[in-house]
C-alpha atoms as a PDB file:
ATOM      1  CA  ASP A   1     -21.815  22.564  -8.503  1.00  0.00           C
ATOM      2  CA  PHE A   2     -20.009  19.552  -9.843  1.00  0.00           C
ATOM      3  CA  ALA A   3     -17.249  17.868  -7.884  1.00  0.00           C
ATOM      4  CA  THR A   4     -13.951  17.678  -9.741  1.00  0.00           C
ATOM      5  CA  PRO A   5     -10.981  15.532  -8.810  1.00  0.00           C
ATOM      6  CA  ARG A   6      -8.135  17.265  -7.030  1.00  0.00           C
ATOM      7  CA  ALA A   7      -5.571  14.993  -8.701  1.00  0.00           C
ATOM      8  CA  VAL A   8      -5.344  11.876 -10.829  1.00  0.00           C
ATOM      9  CA  LEU A   9      -3.026   9.268  -9.350  1.00  0.00           C
ATOM     10  CA  THR A  10      -1.202   7.028 -11.814  1.00  0.00           C
ATOM     11  CA  GLY A  11       1.303   4.213 -11.596  1.00  0.00           C
ATOM     12  CA  HIS A  12      -0.634   0.975 -11.141  1.00  0.00           C
ATOM     13  CA  ASP A  13      -0.915  -1.505 -14.004  1.00  0.00           C
ATOM     14  CA  TYR A  14      -3.872  -3.390 -12.492  1.00  0.00           C
ATOM     15  CA  GLU A  15      -7.050  -2.609 -10.584  1.00  0.00           C
ATOM     16  CA  ILE A  16      -6.779  -0.991  -7.160  1.00  0.00           C
ATOM     17  CA  THR A  17      -7.727  -3.382  -4.345  1.00  0.00           C
ATOM     18  CA  CYS A  18      -7.130  -1.125  -1.327  1.00  0.00           C
ATOM     19  CA  ALA A  19      -6.276   2.463  -0.480  1.00  0.00           C
ATOM     20  CA  ALA A  20      -5.742   4.718   2.523  1.00  0.00           C
ATOM     21  CA  ILE A  21      -5.505   8.471   2.900  1.00  0.00           C
ATOM     22  CA  CYS A  22      -3.351  10.094   5.552  1.00  0.00           C
ATOM     23  CA  ALA A  23      -4.541  13.702   5.554  1.00  0.00           C
ATOM     24  CA  GLU A  24      -2.106  14.700   8.329  1.00  0.00           C
ATOM     25  CA  LEU A  25       0.871  13.829   6.107  1.00  0.00           C
ATOM     26  CA  GLY A  26      -0.804  14.604   2.779  1.00  0.00           C
ATOM     27  CA  LEU A  27      -0.378  11.062   1.449  1.00  0.00           C
ATOM     28  CA  VAL A  28      -2.443   8.539  -0.477  1.00  0.00           C
ATOM     29  CA  ILE A  29      -1.322   4.894  -0.271  1.00  0.00           C
ATOM     30  CA  SER A  30      -2.799   2.365  -2.688  1.00  0.00           C
ATOM     31  CA  GLY A  31      -2.330  -1.280  -3.573  1.00  0.00           C
ATOM     32  CA  SER A  32      -3.205  -3.059  -6.801  1.00  0.00           C
ATOM     33  CA  LYS A  33      -4.218  -6.599  -7.677  1.00  0.00           C
ATOM     34  CA  GLU A  34      -0.887  -7.707  -9.161  1.00  0.00           C
ATOM     35  CA  GLY A  35       1.588  -5.075  -8.143  1.00  0.00           C
ATOM     36  CA  PRO A  36       3.296  -3.128  -5.413  1.00  0.00           C
ATOM     37  CA  CYS A  37       1.757  -0.519  -3.159  1.00  0.00           C
ATOM     38  CA  LEU A  38       2.379   3.095  -4.108  1.00  0.00           C
ATOM     39  CA  ILE A  39       2.595   6.279  -2.059  1.00  0.00           C
ATOM     40  CA  HIS A  40       1.393   9.471  -3.755  1.00  0.00           C
ATOM     41  CA  SER A  41       1.161  13.028  -2.527  1.00  0.00           C
ATOM     42  CA  MET A  42      -2.327  14.534  -2.444  1.00  0.00           C
ATOM     43  CA  ASN A  43      -1.248  16.556  -5.496  1.00  0.00           C
ATOM     44  CA  GLY A  44      -0.766  13.346  -7.494  1.00  0.00           C
ATOM     45  CA  ASP A  45       3.030  13.010  -7.390  1.00  0.00           C
ATOM     46  CA  LEU A  46       4.309   9.436  -7.107  1.00  0.00           C
ATOM     47  CA  LEU A  47       6.663   9.426  -4.102  1.00  0.00           C
ATOM     48  CA  ARG A  48       7.496   5.799  -3.263  1.00  0.00           C
ATOM     49  CA  THR A  49       6.944   2.176  -4.177  1.00  0.00           C
ATOM     50  CA  LEU A  50       6.499  -0.232  -1.266  1.00  0.00           C
ATOM     51  CA  GLU A  51       7.928  -3.636  -2.142  1.00  0.00           C
ATOM     52  CA  GLY A  52       7.164  -6.611   0.095  1.00  0.00           C
ATOM     53  CA  PRO A  53       9.881  -8.898   1.445  1.00  0.00           C
ATOM     54  CA  GLU A  54      11.838 -10.872  -1.143  1.00  0.00           C
ATOM     55  CA  ARG A  55      11.994 -14.060   0.897  1.00  0.00           C
ATOM     56  CA  LEU A  56       8.876 -15.438  -0.788  1.00  0.00           C
ATOM     57  CA  LYS A  57       9.668 -17.501  -3.876  1.00  0.00           C
ATOM     58  CA  GLY A  58       7.598 -19.568  -6.263  1.00  0.00           C
ATOM     59  CA  PRO A  59       3.970 -19.011  -7.261  1.00  0.00           C
ATOM     60  CA  GLU A  60       3.222 -17.098  -4.038  1.00  0.00           C
ATOM     61  CA  SER A  61       5.958 -14.546  -4.668  1.00  0.00           C
ATOM     62  CA  CYS A  62       3.443 -11.986  -5.988  1.00  0.00           C
ATOM     63  CA  LEU A  63       2.132 -10.192  -2.927  1.00  0.00           C
ATOM     64  CA  ARG A  64      -1.464  -9.057  -3.370  1.00  0.00           C
ATOM     65  CA  PRO A  65      -2.435  -6.331  -0.886  1.00  0.00           C
ATOM     66  CA  LYS A  66      -5.906  -6.572   0.667  1.00  0.00           C
ATOM     67  CA  LEU A  67      -5.879  -3.919   3.414  1.00  0.00           C
ATOM     68  CA  ILE A  68      -3.832  -0.764   3.990  1.00  0.00           C
ATOM     69  CA  GLN A  69      -3.804   1.586   6.947  1.00  0.00           C
ATOM     70  CA  ALA A  70      -1.601   4.635   7.431  1.00  0.00           C
ATOM     71  CA  SER A  71      -0.834   6.447  10.672  1.00  0.00           C
ATOM     72  CA  ARG A  72      -0.159  10.117  11.267  1.00  0.00           C
ATOM     73  CA  GLU A  73       3.223   9.094  12.724  1.00  0.00           C
ATOM     74  CA  GLY A  74       4.366   7.953   9.289  1.00  0.00           C
ATOM     75  CA  HIS A  75       3.821   4.184   9.392  1.00  0.00           C
ATOM     76  CA  CYS A  76       1.926   2.118   6.889  1.00  0.00           C
ATOM     77  CA  VAL A  77       0.551  -1.352   7.687  1.00  0.00           C
ATOM     78  CA  ILE A  78      -0.284  -3.587   4.729  1.00  0.00           C
ATOM     79  CA  TYR A  79      -2.059  -6.927   4.969  1.00  0.00           C
ATOM     80  CA  TYR A  80      -1.442  -9.192   1.978  1.00  0.00           C
ATOM     81  CA  GLU A  81      -3.700 -11.946   0.635  1.00  0.00           C
ATOM     82  CA  ASN A  82      -1.336 -14.728   1.770  1.00  0.00           C
ATOM     83  CA  GLY A  83      -1.595 -13.758   5.475  1.00  0.00           C
ATOM     84  CA  LEU A  84       1.459 -11.501   5.649  1.00  0.00           C
ATOM     85  CA  PHE A  85       1.478  -8.200   7.538  1.00  0.00           C
ATOM     86  CA  CYS A  86       4.175  -5.655   6.688  1.00  0.00           C
ATOM     87  CA  VAL A  87       4.918  -2.336   8.369  1.00  0.00           C
ATOM     88  CA  PHE A  88       6.657   0.291   6.253  1.00  0.00           C
ATOM     89  CA  SER A  89       7.870   3.788   7.002  1.00  0.00           C
ATOM     90  CA  VAL A  90       6.619   6.500   4.645  1.00  0.00           C
ATOM     91  CA  ASN A  91      10.182   6.565   3.316  1.00  0.00           C
ATOM     92  CA  GLY A  92       9.561   3.096   1.883  1.00  0.00           C
ATOM     93  CA  ARG A  93      11.666   1.142   4.370  1.00  0.00           C
ATOM     94  CA  LEU A  94      10.297  -2.216   5.499  1.00  0.00           C
ATOM     95  CA  GLN A  95      10.177  -2.070   9.322  1.00  0.00           C
ATOM     96  CA  ALA A  96       8.639  -5.414  10.325  1.00  0.00           C
ATOM     97  CA  THR A  97       6.760  -8.447   9.035  1.00  0.00           C
ATOM     98  CA  MET A  98       4.444 -10.994  10.627  1.00  0.00           C
ATOM     99  CA  GLU A  99       2.607 -13.989   9.164  1.00  0.00           C
ATOM    100  CA  THR A 100      -0.780 -15.225  10.338  1.00  0.00           C
ATOM    101  CA  ASP A 101      -3.151 -18.033   9.399  1.00  0.00           C
ATOM    102  CA  ASP A 102      -6.176 -16.044  10.591  1.00  0.00           C
ATOM    103  CA  LYS A 103      -8.651 -14.489   8.164  1.00  0.00           C
ATOM    104  CA  ILE A 104      -8.406 -10.728   8.492  1.00  0.00           C
ATOM    105  CA  ARG A 105     -11.217  -8.434   7.311  1.00  0.00           C
END
């Protein structure tokens, strides 16, 4: 038997740098090199776009996601390349932010 994809997720203009699957909520969250993070259903429907805080200006204003983790309670934590953590609800609302100088892996 050959494995076939369940769905094809579209919406990013650049390569995917991180992704997380929350099977309990039926969501796939992905981040791309030069764009926002997207929330898709497991069926492939684009549900939300997660935009980082707008307080960053200048050449660092493009937030590049490196790590994503989703919880079964409906929260999504994203760590961006510039040391910024953001917590979003699955409804796309920014809940909290925190900056760090530490290298996170």
